[in-house]
Amino acid sequence: MASERDDESGSERGPRLPLDRGAAARATTLAVVTVALLLAGQAAVAAAVTSGSQPVASVDSVPTEPTASAWDEAETRTVSLSKQQMAPPFGGGSVDELDVQTAANDSHIAVRLSWADPTRDADIAEPRNFSDGAAVMLKTGDQPPITMGAANTPVNVWYWRASWRHGPEHSEGAGDMYAYPHNDSVTMPGRQAGNPISQADFENGAHNYYAKGFGSLSYAPDQPVAASGERTDDGWEVTFVRNRSGAGQYDAPITDEQVYLAFAVWNGSADEVNGQKSITLQFSTLDPSSGNLSVPDSGGSGSGSVVQVGGGDSGDGGGSDGRALAIPGFIGGIVLSALLVWFVAYWRLI
């Protein structure tokens, strides 16, 4: 009876096709070769965009404005930007590339970032208005995770926002945007609470932050970074300036050890805010002894795609708890390509 039921069940499902082991092995080989070629191609594209050594311009006085004539003598390096796909909220990617220049003397260093952005987004008076912005992430010594550091690997972040100095409230003749018959303690609770984002004036034009992974950004007690932005015909130019040594616990000193740098840009008109931004997926390295800015000589914990934040230690105020990240779209494309190649090759070989 059992055999009859098996036969009946088998006849309903239809006969199973035997696996051709030889064809499967050759299809697997082709899939592996395809993956290797795709990875090599991606590495070649990244190298073509970000390779080369860029000398830091040596100046008597570091330029504090993006329009300073000193930048005319500084070499430019273009880095590729990508959509942020490593942690929620995913998004960004509206800015494809960023030009980087550096200048330094014995006491200070300046970094100028330039990028194309057809819209000037500095008015955040409406609820759905977001500001253009830019940031530099730094870490001295060992290469950190590209995911804004980790619990035991804090990074230093310099941040500039267009609305701080280019918003409508800074225009000539502009009045108080809160025209209520109440004092500031009622209408501006953030400012009363000392929230640094709610300040009335941003004297330095920049904020100095520390981070230990996604979601852990904190305002540093010391604020040694200054920034100035200038709107161009087709985008922005922003200059960051800081003394080489820094002032706080996690400020990245630019003195003798190698420094790792990464960059980010926000486009307000594309609704880019917080984690939704255009980022570099590969670090640049600054060698203070040689004065060269280039790509890393070799990989590390922060290079390439990262699938985990931190090392499982959430202590010391860090937001990194070892949580898994989404696999970037490029890796998903690799997997799908490999499967497609395998199936096509297998059916052609059997």
C-alpha atoms as a PDB file:
ATOM      1  CA  MET A   1       0.000   0.000   0.000  1.00  0.00           C
ATOM      2  CA  ALA A   2       2.820   2.369   0.867  1.00  0.00           C
ATOM      3  CA  SER A   3       4.492   1.773  -2.476  1.00  0.00           C
ATOM      4  CA  GLU A   4       1.193   2.416  -4.284  1.00  0.00           C
ATOM      5  CA  ARG A   5       0.762   5.699  -2.432  1.00  0.00           C
ATOM      6  CA  ASP A   6       4.343   6.621  -3.223  1.00  0.00           C
ATOM      7  CA  ASP A   7       3.712   5.849  -6.885  1.00  0.00           C
ATOM      8  CA  GLU A   8       0.524   7.884  -6.884  1.00  0.00           C
ATOM      9  CA  SER A   9       2.220  10.770  -5.131  1.00  0.00           C
ATOM     10  CA  GLY A  10       5.156  10.555  -7.490  1.00  0.00           C
ATOM     11  CA  SER A  11       2.923  10.567 -10.538  1.00  0.00           C
ATOM     12  CA  GLU A  12       1.214  13.720  -9.286  1.00  0.00           C
ATOM     13  CA  ARG A  13       4.499  15.551  -8.755  1.00  0.00           C
ATOM     14  CA  GLY A  14       6.131  14.284 -11.899  1.00  0.00           C
ATOM     15  CA  PRO A  15       9.539  12.653 -12.200  1.00  0.00           C
ATOM     16  CA  ARG A  16      12.514  14.438 -10.685  1.00  0.00           C
ATOM     17  CA  LEU A  17      15.235  15.584 -13.056  1.00  0.00           C
ATOM     18  CA  PRO A  18      18.611  14.133 -12.099  1.00  0.00           C
ATOM     19  CA  LEU A  19      21.388  16.636 -11.364  1.00  0.00           C
ATOM     20  CA  ASP A  20      24.177  16.552 -13.902  1.00  0.00           C
ATOM     21  CA  ARG A  21      27.146  16.847 -11.572  1.00  0.00           C
ATOM     22  CA  GLY A  22      29.604  17.634 -14.338  1.00  0.00           C
ATOM     23  CA  ALA A  23      27.463  20.458 -15.711  1.00  0.00           C
ATOM     24  CA  ALA A  24      26.849  21.755 -12.193  1.00  0.00           C
ATOM     25  CA  ALA A  25      30.585  21.841 -11.469  1.00  0.00           C
ATOM     26  CA  ARG A  26      31.344  23.733 -14.687  1.00  0.00           C
ATOM     27  CA  ALA A  27      28.451  26.160 -14.041  1.00  0.00           C
ATOM     28  CA  THR A  28      29.786  26.785 -10.529  1.00  0.00           C
ATOM     29  CA  THR A  29      33.228  27.524 -11.943  1.00  0.00           C
ATOM     30  CA  LEU A  30      31.746  30.056 -14.380  1.00  0.00           C
ATOM     31  CA  ALA A  31      29.737  31.696 -11.584  1.00  0.00           C
ATOM     32  CA  VAL A  32      32.835  32.025  -9.392  1.00  0.00           C
ATOM     33  CA  VAL A  33      34.828  33.521 -12.268  1.00  0.00           C
ATOM     34  CA  THR A  34      31.995  35.994 -12.944  1.00  0.00           C
ATOM     35  CA  VAL A  35      31.937  37.106  -9.304  1.00  0.00           C
ATOM     36  CA  ALA A  36      35.709  37.541  -9.328  1.00  0.00           C
ATOM     37  CA  LEU A  37      35.558  39.659 -12.481  1.00  0.00           C
ATOM     38  CA  LEU A  38      32.757  41.835 -11.093  1.00  0.00           C
ATOM     39  CA  LEU A  39      34.648  42.418  -7.839  1.00  0.00           C
ATOM     40  CA  ALA A  40      37.829  43.221  -9.731  1.00  0.00           C
ATOM     41  CA  GLY A  41      35.923  45.647 -11.936  1.00  0.00           C
ATOM     42  CA  GLN A  42      34.391  47.387  -8.937  1.00  0.00           C
ATOM     43  CA  ALA A  43      37.818  47.717  -7.324  1.00  0.00           C
ATOM     44  CA  ALA A  44      39.262  49.101 -10.551  1.00  0.00           C
ATOM     45  CA  VAL A  45      36.512  51.720 -10.803  1.00  0.00           C
ATOM     46  CA  ALA A  46      37.044  52.764  -7.185  1.00  0.00           C
ATOM     47  CA  ALA A  47      40.781  52.981  -7.727  1.00  0.00           C
ATOM     48  CA  ALA A  48      40.359  55.016 -10.889  1.00  0.00           C
ATOM     49  CA  VAL A  49      38.174  57.532  -9.067  1.00  0.00           C
ATOM     50  CA  THR A  50      40.132  57.815  -5.824  1.00  0.00           C
ATOM     51  CA  SER A  51      43.689  56.683  -6.538  1.00  0.00           C
ATOM     52  CA  GLY A  52      46.828  58.745  -6.622  1.00  0.00           C
ATOM     53  CA  SER A  53      48.760  60.795  -4.135  1.00  0.00           C
ATOM     54  CA  GLN A  54      47.737  64.400  -3.587  1.00  0.00           C
ATOM     55  CA  PRO A  55      50.229  66.673  -1.829  1.00  0.00           C
ATOM     56  CA  VAL A  56      48.936  68.930   0.911  1.00  0.00           C
ATOM     57  CA  ALA A  57      49.648  72.537  -0.057  1.00  0.00           C
ATOM     58  CA  SER A  58      52.213  74.119   2.273  1.00  0.00           C
ATOM     59  CA  VAL A  59      51.202  77.688   3.174  1.00  0.00           C
ATOM     60  CA  ASP A  60      52.332  80.374   5.598  1.00  0.00           C
ATOM     61  CA  SER A  61      48.765  81.021   6.728  1.00  0.00           C
ATOM     62  CA  VAL A  62      46.008  78.467   6.160  1.00  0.00           C
ATOM     63  CA  PRO A  63      43.059  79.760   4.107  1.00  0.00           C
ATOM     64  CA  THR A  64      39.914  80.136   6.191  1.00  0.00           C
ATOM     65  CA  GLU A  65      37.608  81.056   3.306  1.00  0.00           C
ATOM     66  CA  PRO A  66      36.778  78.838   0.307  1.00  0.00           C
ATOM     67  CA  THR A  67      37.452  81.748  -2.048  1.00  0.00           C
ATOM     68  CA  ALA A  68      40.987  82.417  -0.737  1.00  0.00           C
ATOM     69  CA  SER A  69      43.668  82.651  -3.432  1.00  0.00           C
ATOM     70  CA  ALA A  70      45.767  80.007  -1.632  1.00  0.00           C
ATOM     71  CA  TRP A  71      43.424  77.326  -2.978  1.00  0.00           C
ATOM     72  CA  ASP A  72      44.496  78.166  -6.534  1.00  0.00           C
ATOM     73  CA  GLU A  73      47.851  76.510  -5.814  1.00  0.00           C
ATOM     74  CA  ALA A  74      46.427  73.454  -4.007  1.00  0.00           C
ATOM     75  CA  GLU A  75      46.018  70.252  -6.004  1.00  0.00           C
ATOM     76  CA  THR A  76      42.524  68.788  -6.325  1.00  0.00           C
ATOM     77  CA  ARG A  77      41.505  65.168  -5.882  1.00  0.00           C
ATOM     78  CA  THR A  78      38.056  63.875  -6.832  1.00  0.00           C
ATOM     79  CA  VAL A  79      36.436  61.183  -4.688  1.00  0.00           C
ATOM     80  CA  SER A  80      33.363  59.148  -5.547  1.00  0.00           C
ATOM     81  CA  LEU A  81      30.212  59.402  -3.417  1.00  0.00           C
ATOM     82  CA  SER A  82      27.546  56.716  -2.997  1.00  0.00           C
ATOM     83  CA  LYS A  83      24.134  56.302  -1.404  1.00  0.00           C
ATOM     84  CA  GLN A  84      24.208  55.449   2.307  1.00  0.00           C
ATOM     85  CA  GLN A  85      22.987  51.822   2.399  1.00  0.00           C
ATOM     86  CA  MET A  86      24.581  50.505   5.590  1.00  0.00           C
ATOM     87  CA  ALA A  87      22.110  51.540   8.297  1.00  0.00           C
ATOM     88  CA  PRO A  88      18.585  52.993   8.553  1.00  0.00           C
ATOM     89  CA  PRO A  89      17.493  55.492   7.433  1.00  0.00           C
ATOM     90  CA  PHE A  90      18.898  54.457   4.061  1.00  0.00           C
ATOM     91  CA  GLY A  91      19.087  57.005   1.284  1.00  0.00           C
ATOM     92  CA  GLY A  92      20.979  59.839  -0.296  1.00  0.00           C
ATOM     93  CA  GLY A  93      23.278  59.454  -3.243  1.00  0.00           C
ATOM     94  CA  SER A  94      22.103  62.513  -5.193  1.00  0.00           C
ATOM     95  CA  VAL A  95      25.672  63.882  -5.268  1.00  0.00           C
ATOM     96  CA  ASP A  96      28.029  61.695  -7.314  1.00  0.00           C
ATOM     97  CA  GLU A  97      31.441  63.147  -6.540  1.00  0.00           C
ATOM     98  CA  LEU A  98      33.346  65.582  -4.393  1.00  0.00           C
ATOM     99  CA  ASP A  99      36.545  67.590  -4.971  1.00  0.00           C
ATOM    100  CA  VAL A 100      38.976  67.661  -2.029  1.00  0.00           C
ATOM    101  CA  GLN A 101      41.851  70.083  -1.423  1.00  0.00           C
ATOM    102  CA  THR A 102      44.090  70.444   1.632  1.00  0.00           C
ATOM    103  CA  ALA A 103      46.471  73.112   2.894  1.00  0.00           C
ATOM    104  CA  ALA A 104      48.518  73.282   6.078  1.00  0.00           C
ATOM    105  CA  ASN A 105      51.240  75.054   8.004  1.00  0.00           C
ATOM    106  CA  ASP A 106      53.003  74.086  11.221  1.00  0.00           C
ATOM    107  CA  SER A 107      50.010  74.816  13.442  1.00  0.00           C
ATOM    108  CA  HIS A 108      46.807  74.422  11.394  1.00  0.00           C
ATOM    109  CA  ILE A 109      45.255  72.410   8.570  1.00  0.00           C
ATOM    110  CA  ALA A 110      42.457  73.370   6.176  1.00  0.00           C
ATOM    111  CA  VAL A 111      40.281  71.122   4.014  1.00  0.00           C
ATOM    112  CA  ARG A 112      38.181  72.504   1.162  1.00  0.00           C
ATOM    113  CA  LEU A 113      35.293  70.451  -0.228  1.00  0.00           C
ATOM    114  CA  SER A 114      33.623  71.415  -3.523  1.00  0.00           C
ATOM    115  CA  TRP A 115      30.639  69.745  -5.163  1.00  0.00           C
ATOM    116  CA  ALA A 116      27.894  70.406  -7.691  1.00  0.00           C
ATOM    117  CA  ASP A 117      24.394  71.071  -6.339  1.00  0.00           C
ATOM    118  CA  PRO A 118      21.913  72.976  -8.525  1.00  0.00           C
ATOM    119  CA  THR A 119      19.743  74.096  -5.594  1.00  0.00           C
ATOM    120  CA  ARG A 120      20.671  76.385  -2.720  1.00  0.00           C
ATOM    121  CA  ASP A 121      19.027  74.755   0.304  1.00  0.00           C
ATOM    122  CA  ALA A 122      19.565  76.930   3.365  1.00  0.00           C
ATOM    123  CA  ASP A 123      16.001  77.840   4.399  1.00  0.00           C
ATOM    124  CA  ILE A 124      14.672  75.341   6.941  1.00  0.00           C
ATOM    125  CA  ALA A 125      11.744  77.456   8.190  1.00  0.00           C
ATOM    126  CA  GLU A 126       9.203  74.966   6.807  1.00  0.00           C
ATOM    127  CA  PRO A 127       8.751  71.460   8.287  1.00  0.00           C
ATOM    128  CA  ARG A 128       9.837  69.618   5.107  1.00  0.00           C
ATOM    129  CA  ASN A 129      12.792  71.876   4.324  1.00  0.00           C
ATOM    130  CA  PHE A 130      16.247  70.405   4.797  1.00  0.00           C
ATOM    131  CA  SER A 131      19.623  72.097   4.600  1.00  0.00           C
ATOM    132  CA  ASP A 132      22.592  71.321   2.395  1.00  0.00           C
ATOM    133  CA  GLY A 133      25.542  70.116   4.439  1.00  0.00           C
ATOM    134  CA  ALA A 134      28.956  68.487   4.447  1.00  0.00           C
ATOM    135  CA  ALA A 135      31.160  66.585   6.880  1.00  0.00           C
ATOM    136  CA  VAL A 136      34.667  65.216   7.281  1.00  0.00           C
ATOM    137  CA  MET A 137      35.238  62.121   9.431  1.00  0.00           C
ATOM    138  CA  LEU A 138      38.737  61.611  10.848  1.00  0.00           C
ATOM    139  CA  LYS A 139      40.620  59.015  12.884  1.00  0.00           C
ATOM    140  CA  THR A 140      44.327  58.975  13.735  1.00  0.00           C
ATOM    141  CA  GLY A 141      46.239  55.703  13.994  1.00  0.00           C
ATOM    142  CA  ASP A 142      44.458  52.486  13.065  1.00  0.00           C
ATOM    143  CA  GLN A 143      41.805  52.467  10.357  1.00  0.00           C
ATOM    144  CA  PRO A 144      38.305  52.639  11.904  1.00  0.00           C
ATOM    145  CA  PRO A 145      35.111  51.064  10.559  1.00  0.00           C
ATOM    146  CA  ILE A 146      33.647  53.211   7.785  1.00  0.00           C
ATOM    147  CA  THR A 147      30.359  53.035   9.728  1.00  0.00           C
ATOM    148  CA  MET A 148      31.206  56.162  11.773  1.00  0.00           C
ATOM    149  CA  GLY A 149      33.570  54.238  14.021  1.00  0.00           C
ATOM    150  CA  ALA A 150      32.641  51.699  16.683  1.00  0.00           C
ATOM    151  CA  ALA A 151      32.248  51.468  20.454  1.00  0.00           C
ATOM    152  CA  ASN A 152      35.970  50.969  20.996  1.00  0.00           C
ATOM    153  CA  THR A 153      37.039  53.011  17.949  1.00  0.00           C
ATOM    154  CA  PRO A 154      35.638  56.557  18.242  1.00  0.00           C
ATOM    155  CA  VAL A 155      35.950  58.941  15.315  1.00  0.00           C
ATOM    156  CA  ASN A 156      36.029  62.712  15.008  1.00  0.00           C
ATOM    157  CA  VAL A 157      33.469  64.440  12.750  1.00  0.00           C
ATOM    158  CA  TRP A 158      33.594  68.023  11.431  1.00  0.00           C
ATOM    159  CA  TYR A 159      30.164  69.190  10.279  1.00  0.00           C
ATOM    160  CA  TRP A 160      28.946  72.217   8.290  1.00  0.00           C
ATOM    161  CA  ARG A 161      25.353  73.158   7.478  1.00  0.00           C
ATOM    162  CA  ALA A 162      24.292  75.803   4.938  1.00  0.00           C
ATOM    163  CA  SER A 163      21.380  77.044   7.049  1.00  0.00           C
ATOM    164  CA  TRP A 164      23.674  78.169   9.866  1.00  0.00           C
ATOM    165  CA  ARG A 165      25.007  81.148   7.936  1.00  0.00           C
ATOM    166  CA  HIS A 166      23.083  81.228   4.658  1.00  0.00           C
ATOM    167  CA  GLY A 167      19.491  80.946   5.876  1.00  0.00           C
ATOM    168  CA  PRO A 168      16.933  83.746   5.370  1.00  0.00           C
ATOM    169  CA  GLU A 169      17.255  84.872   8.982  1.00  0.00           C
ATOM    170  CA  HIS A 170      20.816  85.951   8.160  1.00  0.00           C
ATOM    171  CA  SER A 171      19.732  88.148   5.267  1.00  0.00           C
ATOM    172  CA  GLU A 172      19.895  91.905   5.629  1.00  0.00           C
ATOM    173  CA  GLY A 173      16.726  93.273   7.233  1.00  0.00           C
ATOM    174  CA  ALA A 174      15.475  89.863   8.345  1.00  0.00           C
ATOM    175  CA  GLY A 175      13.632  89.794  11.642  1.00  0.00           C
ATOM    176  CA  ASP A 176      12.927  87.163  14.261  1.00  0.00           C
ATOM    177  CA  MET A 177      11.177  84.173  12.718  1.00  0.00           C
ATOM    178  CA  TYR A 178       9.237  83.740  16.006  1.00  0.00           C
ATOM    179  CA  ALA A 179       7.029  86.851  16.248  1.00  0.00           C
ATOM    180  CA  TYR A 180       5.059  85.644  19.257  1.00  0.00           C
ATOM    181  CA  PRO A 181       4.303  87.845  22.294  1.00  0.00           C
ATOM    182  CA  HIS A 182       6.269  85.500  24.554  1.00  0.00           C
ATOM    183  CA  ASN A 183       9.850  85.366  25.701  1.00  0.00           C
ATOM    184  CA  ASP A 184      12.385  82.854  24.406  1.00  0.00           C
ATOM    185  CA  SER A 185      11.842  80.430  27.287  1.00  0.00           C
ATOM    186  CA  VAL A 186       8.395  79.689  25.836  1.00  0.00           C
ATOM    187  CA  THR A 187       8.983  79.860  22.106  1.00  0.00           C
ATOM    188  CA  MET A 188      12.540  78.473  21.959  1.00  0.00           C
ATOM    189  CA  PRO A 189      12.843  75.590  24.434  1.00  0.00           C
ATOM    190  CA  GLY A 190      15.758  74.023  22.561  1.00  0.00           C
ATOM    191  CA  ARG A 191      17.799  77.189  22.886  1.00  0.00           C
ATOM    192  CA  GLN A 192      16.848  77.514  26.550  1.00  0.00           C
ATOM    193  CA  ALA A 193      17.933  73.926  27.146  1.00  0.00           C
ATOM    194  CA  GLY A 194      21.325  74.614  25.593  1.00  0.00           C
ATOM    195  CA  ASN A 195      20.818  72.411  22.516  1.00  0.00           C
ATOM    196  CA  PRO A 196      23.797  73.264  20.268  1.00  0.00           C
ATOM    197  CA  ILE A 197      21.673  72.842  17.118  1.00  0.00           C
ATOM    198  CA  SER A 198      19.259  75.506  18.441  1.00  0.00           C
ATOM    199  CA  GLN A 199      21.861  78.231  18.824  1.00  0.00           C
ATOM    200  CA  ALA A 200      20.998  81.701  17.568  1.00  0.00           C
ATOM    201  CA  ASP A 201      24.467  82.202  16.100  1.00  0.00           C
ATOM    202  CA  PHE A 202      27.116  79.757  14.964  1.00  0.00           C
ATOM    203  CA  GLU A 203      30.285  81.731  15.431  1.00  0.00           C
ATOM    204  CA  ASN A 204      32.612  79.042  14.105  1.00  0.00           C
ATOM    205  CA  GLY A 205      30.325  77.945  11.267  1.00  0.00           C
ATOM    206  CA  ALA A 206      30.958  74.287  12.159  1.00  0.00           C
ATOM    207  CA  HIS A 207      30.344  71.685  14.823  1.00  0.00           C
ATOM    208  CA  ASN A 208      32.867  69.246  16.233  1.00  0.00           C
ATOM    209  CA  TYR A 209      31.381  65.803  16.989  1.00  0.00           C
ATOM    210  CA  TYR A 210      32.438  62.368  18.211  1.00  0.00           C
ATOM    211  CA  ALA A 211      30.871  59.085  17.088  1.00  0.00           C
ATOM    212  CA  LYS A 212      31.134  55.427  18.065  1.00  0.00           C
ATOM    213  CA  GLY A 213      28.995  53.915  15.339  1.00  0.00           C
ATOM    214  CA  PHE A 214      25.718  54.853  13.663  1.00  0.00           C
ATOM    215  CA  GLY A 215      23.294  56.626  15.985  1.00  0.00           C
ATOM    216  CA  SER A 216      25.940  57.660  18.511  1.00  0.00           C
ATOM    217  CA  LEU A 217      26.881  61.152  17.283  1.00  0.00           C
ATOM    218  CA  SER A 218      27.591  63.478  20.212  1.00  0.00           C
ATOM    219  CA  TYR A 219      28.484  67.160  20.460  1.00  0.00           C
ATOM    220  CA  ALA A 220      32.090  67.474  21.645  1.00  0.00           C
ATOM    221  CA  PRO A 221      32.818  69.565  24.761  1.00  0.00           C
ATOM    222  CA  ASP A 222      35.568  71.384  22.846  1.00  0.00           C
ATOM    223  CA  GLN A 223      34.814  73.128  19.545  1.00  0.00           C
ATOM    224  CA  PRO A 224      38.120  73.905  17.803  1.00  0.00           C
ATOM    225  CA  VAL A 225      36.783  73.535  14.225  1.00  0.00           C
ATOM    226  CA  ALA A 226      35.783  76.505  12.064  1.00  0.00           C
ATOM    227  CA  ALA A 227      34.084  76.369   8.670  1.00  0.00           C
ATOM    228  CA  SER A 228      32.998  78.751   5.968  1.00  0.00           C
ATOM    229  CA  GLY A 229      30.794  77.982   2.975  1.00  0.00           C
ATOM    230  CA  GLU A 230      30.367  79.840  -0.281  1.00  0.00           C
ATOM    231  CA  ARG A 231      27.662  79.322  -2.866  1.00  0.00           C
ATOM    232  CA  THR A 232      29.067  78.964  -6.401  1.00  0.00           C
ATOM    233  CA  ASP A 233      27.331  79.054  -9.773  1.00  0.00           C
ATOM    234  CA  ASP A 234      26.671  75.310  -9.656  1.00  0.00           C
ATOM    235  CA  GLY A 235      27.176  74.174  -6.084  1.00  0.00           C
ATOM    236  CA  TRP A 236      29.060  74.755  -2.841  1.00  0.00           C
ATOM    237  CA  GLU A 237      32.618  75.277  -1.647  1.00  0.00           C
ATOM    238  CA  VAL A 238      33.247  74.705   2.064  1.00  0.00           C
ATOM    239  CA  THR A 239      36.477  75.180   4.002  1.00  0.00           C
ATOM    240  CA  PHE A 240      37.115  73.478   7.354  1.00  0.00           C
ATOM    241  CA  VAL A 241      40.002  74.728   9.539  1.00  0.00           C
ATOM    242  CA  ARG A 242      41.402  73.328  12.782  1.00  0.00           C
ATOM    243  CA  ASN A 243      44.659  73.393  14.700  1.00  0.00           C
ATOM    244  CA  ARG A 244      46.709  70.266  14.122  1.00  0.00           C
ATOM    245  CA  SER A 245      46.534  68.923  17.669  1.00  0.00           C
ATOM    246  CA  GLY A 246      42.838  69.345  18.410  1.00  0.00           C
ATOM    247  CA  ALA A 247      41.596  69.992  21.911  1.00  0.00           C
ATOM    248  CA  GLY A 248      39.309  67.182  23.041  1.00  0.00           C
ATOM    249  CA  GLN A 249      39.467  63.511  23.997  1.00  0.00           C
ATOM    250  CA  TYR A 250      38.661  62.108  20.546  1.00  0.00           C
ATOM    251  CA  ASP A 251      39.848  64.942  18.321  1.00  0.00           C
ATOM    252  CA  ALA A 252      42.028  63.423  15.612  1.00  0.00           C
ATOM    253  CA  PRO A 253      45.507  64.979  15.950  1.00  0.00           C
ATOM    254  CA  ILE A 254      47.244  65.671  12.653  1.00  0.00           C
ATOM    255  CA  THR A 255      50.808  65.606  13.883  1.00  0.00           C
ATOM    256  CA  ASP A 256      52.819  62.458  13.201  1.00  0.00           C
ATOM    257  CA  GLU A 257      50.543  59.392  12.833  1.00  0.00           C
ATOM    258  CA  GLN A 258      48.583  58.509   9.699  1.00  0.00           C
ATOM    259  CA  VAL A 259      45.082  59.976   9.579  1.00  0.00           C
ATOM    260  CA  TYR A 260      42.072  58.302   7.934  1.00  0.00           C
ATOM    261  CA  LEU A 261      39.468  60.592   6.377  1.00  0.00           C
ATOM    262  CA  ALA A 262      36.017  60.023   4.895  1.00  0.00           C
ATOM    263  CA  PHE A 263      33.530  62.534   3.508  1.00  0.00           C
ATOM    264  CA  ALA A 264      29.762  63.062   3.347  1.00  0.00           C
ATOM    265  CA  VAL A 265      27.427  65.508   1.615  1.00  0.00           C
ATOM    266  CA  TRP A 266      23.717  66.271   2.153  1.00  0.00           C
ATOM    267  CA  ASN A 267      21.423  67.707  -0.544  1.00  0.00           C
ATOM    268  CA  GLY A 268      18.453  69.363   1.147  1.00  0.00           C
ATOM    269  CA  SER A 269      16.234  69.518  -1.953  1.00  0.00           C
ATOM    270  CA  ALA A 270      16.585  65.720  -2.277  1.00  0.00           C
ATOM    271  CA  ASP A 271      15.254  65.335   1.303  1.00  0.00           C
ATOM    272  CA  GLU A 272      18.658  64.202   2.521  1.00  0.00           C
ATOM    273  CA  VAL A 273      18.966  64.508   6.283  1.00  0.00           C
ATOM    274  CA  ASN A 274      20.602  62.509   9.091  1.00  0.00           C
ATOM    275  CA  GLY A 275      21.625  59.095   7.675  1.00  0.00           C
ATOM    276  CA  GLN A 276      20.293  59.882   4.204  1.00  0.00           C
ATOM    277  CA  LYS A 277      23.384  61.291   2.520  1.00  0.00           C
ATOM    278  CA  SER A 278      26.060  60.777  -0.114  1.00  0.00           C
ATOM    279  CA  ILE A 279      29.188  59.187   1.380  1.00  0.00           C
ATOM    280  CA  THR A 280      32.614  57.902   0.465  1.00  0.00           C
ATOM    281  CA  LEU A 281      32.859  54.134   0.856  1.00  0.00           C
ATOM    282  CA  GLN A 282      36.644  54.200   0.928  1.00  0.00           C
ATOM    283  CA  PHE A 283      38.927  56.121   3.263  1.00  0.00           C
ATOM    284  CA  SER A 284      41.524  58.629   2.168  1.00  0.00           C
ATOM    285  CA  THR A 285      44.750  58.669   4.178  1.00  0.00           C
ATOM    286  CA  LEU A 286      46.790  61.669   5.215  1.00  0.00           C
ATOM    287  CA  ASP A 287      50.460  61.135   6.048  1.00  0.00           C
ATOM    288  CA  PRO A 288      51.549  64.186   8.082  1.00  0.00           C
ATOM    289  CA  SER A 289      55.239  63.345   7.653  1.00  0.00           C
ATOM    290  CA  SER A 290      55.124  63.286   3.842  1.00  0.00           C
ATOM    291  CA  GLY A 291      52.224  65.694   3.461  1.00  0.00           C
ATOM    292  CA  ASN A 292      50.375  63.399   1.036  1.00  0.00           C
ATOM    293  CA  LEU A 293      46.658  62.638   0.879  1.00  0.00           C
ATOM    294  CA  SER A 294      45.918  59.344  -0.884  1.00  0.00           C
ATOM    295  CA  VAL A 295      44.007  56.070  -0.707  1.00  0.00           C
ATOM    296  CA  PRO A 296      45.031  53.445   1.892  1.00  0.00           C
ATOM    297  CA  ASP A 297      47.894  51.144   0.958  1.00  0.00           C
ATOM    298  CA  SER A 298      45.863  48.126   2.052  1.00  0.00           C
ATOM    299  CA  GLY A 299      42.419  47.182   3.335  1.00  0.00           C
ATOM    300  CA  GLY A 300      41.292  47.133   6.906  1.00  0.00           C
ATOM    301  CA  SER A 301      38.315  47.043   9.162  1.00  0.00           C
ATOM    302  CA  GLY A 302      36.951  50.142   7.574  1.00  0.00           C
ATOM    303  CA  SER A 303      37.413  49.393   3.913  1.00  0.00           C
ATOM    304  CA  GLY A 304      34.878  47.991   1.524  1.00  0.00           C
ATOM    305  CA  SER A 305      31.400  46.883   2.568  1.00  0.00           C
ATOM    306  CA  VAL A 306      30.679  46.511   6.265  1.00  0.00           C
ATOM    307  CA  VAL A 307      27.945  44.254   7.584  1.00  0.00           C
ATOM    308  CA  GLN A 308      28.229  44.918  11.306  1.00  0.00           C
ATOM    309  CA  VAL A 309      28.498  47.987  13.499  1.00  0.00           C
ATOM    310  CA  GLY A 310      30.884  47.866  16.421  1.00  0.00           C
ATOM    311  CA  GLY A 311      32.172  44.896  18.276  1.00  0.00           C
ATOM    312  CA  GLY A 312      29.305  44.038  20.582  1.00  0.00           C
ATOM    313  CA  ASP A 313      30.291  46.505  23.307  1.00  0.00           C
ATOM    314  CA  SER A 314      27.741  49.238  23.875  1.00  0.00           C
ATOM    315  CA  GLY A 315      29.413  50.738  26.893  1.00  0.00           C
ATOM    316  CA  ASP A 316      30.895  54.188  27.323  1.00  0.00           C
ATOM    317  CA  GLY A 317      27.952  55.878  25.653  1.00  0.00           C
ATOM    318  CA  GLY A 318      28.501  54.321  22.249  1.00  0.00           C
ATOM    319  CA  GLY A 319      25.565  53.410  20.089  1.00  0.00           C
ATOM    320  CA  SER A 320      27.283  50.425  18.475  1.00  0.00           C
ATOM    321  CA  ASP A 321      25.935  47.157  19.776  1.00  0.00           C
ATOM    322  CA  GLY A 322      26.988  44.714  17.078  1.00  0.00           C
ATOM    323  CA  ARG A 323      23.685  45.022  15.227  1.00  0.00           C
ATOM    324  CA  ALA A 324      23.638  43.738  11.664  1.00  0.00           C
ATOM    325  CA  LEU A 325      23.461  46.100   8.740  1.00  0.00           C
ATOM    326  CA  ALA A 326      21.691  45.737   5.426  1.00  0.00           C
ATOM    327  CA  ILE A 327      23.820  44.290   2.646  1.00  0.00           C
ATOM    328  CA  PRO A 328      24.656  47.045   0.159  1.00  0.00           C
ATOM    329  CA  GLY A 329      22.966  46.894  -3.230  1.00  0.00           C
ATOM    330  CA  PHE A 330      26.229  46.098  -4.967  1.00  0.00           C
ATOM    331  CA  ILE A 331      26.633  42.860  -2.990  1.00  0.00           C
ATOM    332  CA  GLY A 332      23.023  41.911  -3.738  1.00  0.00           C
ATOM    333  CA  GLY A 333      23.717  42.464  -7.416  1.00  0.00           C
ATOM    334  CA  ILE A 334      26.779  40.212  -7.208  1.00  0.00           C
ATOM    335  CA  VAL A 335      24.720  37.398  -5.666  1.00  0.00           C
ATOM    336  CA  LEU A 336      21.956  37.698  -8.257  1.00  0.00           C
ATOM    337  CA  SER A 337      24.480  37.784 -11.099  1.00  0.00           C
ATOM    338  CA  ALA A 338      26.192  34.644  -9.812  1.00  0.00           C
ATOM    339  CA  LEU A 339      22.883  32.763  -9.552  1.00  0.00           C
ATOM    340  CA  LEU A 340      21.829  33.855 -13.033  1.00  0.00           C
ATOM    341  CA  VAL A 341      25.160  32.800 -14.558  1.00  0.00           C
ATOM    342  CA  TRP A 342      24.970  29.422 -12.809  1.00  0.00           C
ATOM    343  CA  PHE A 343      21.442  28.598 -14.025  1.00  0.00           C
ATOM    344  CA  VAL A 344      22.069  29.749 -17.597  1.00  0.00           C
ATOM    345  CA  ALA A 345      25.382  27.887 -17.785  1.00  0.00           C
ATOM    346  CA  TYR A 346      23.935  24.731 -16.247  1.00  0.00           C
ATOM    347  CA  TRP A 347      20.987  24.473 -18.654  1.00  0.00           C
ATOM    348  CA  ARG A 348      23.265  25.047 -21.609  1.00  0.00           C
ATOM    349  CA  LEU A 349      25.752  22.404 -20.485  1.00  0.00           C
ATOM    350  CA  ILE A 350      23.382  19.554 -19.670  1.00  0.00           C
END
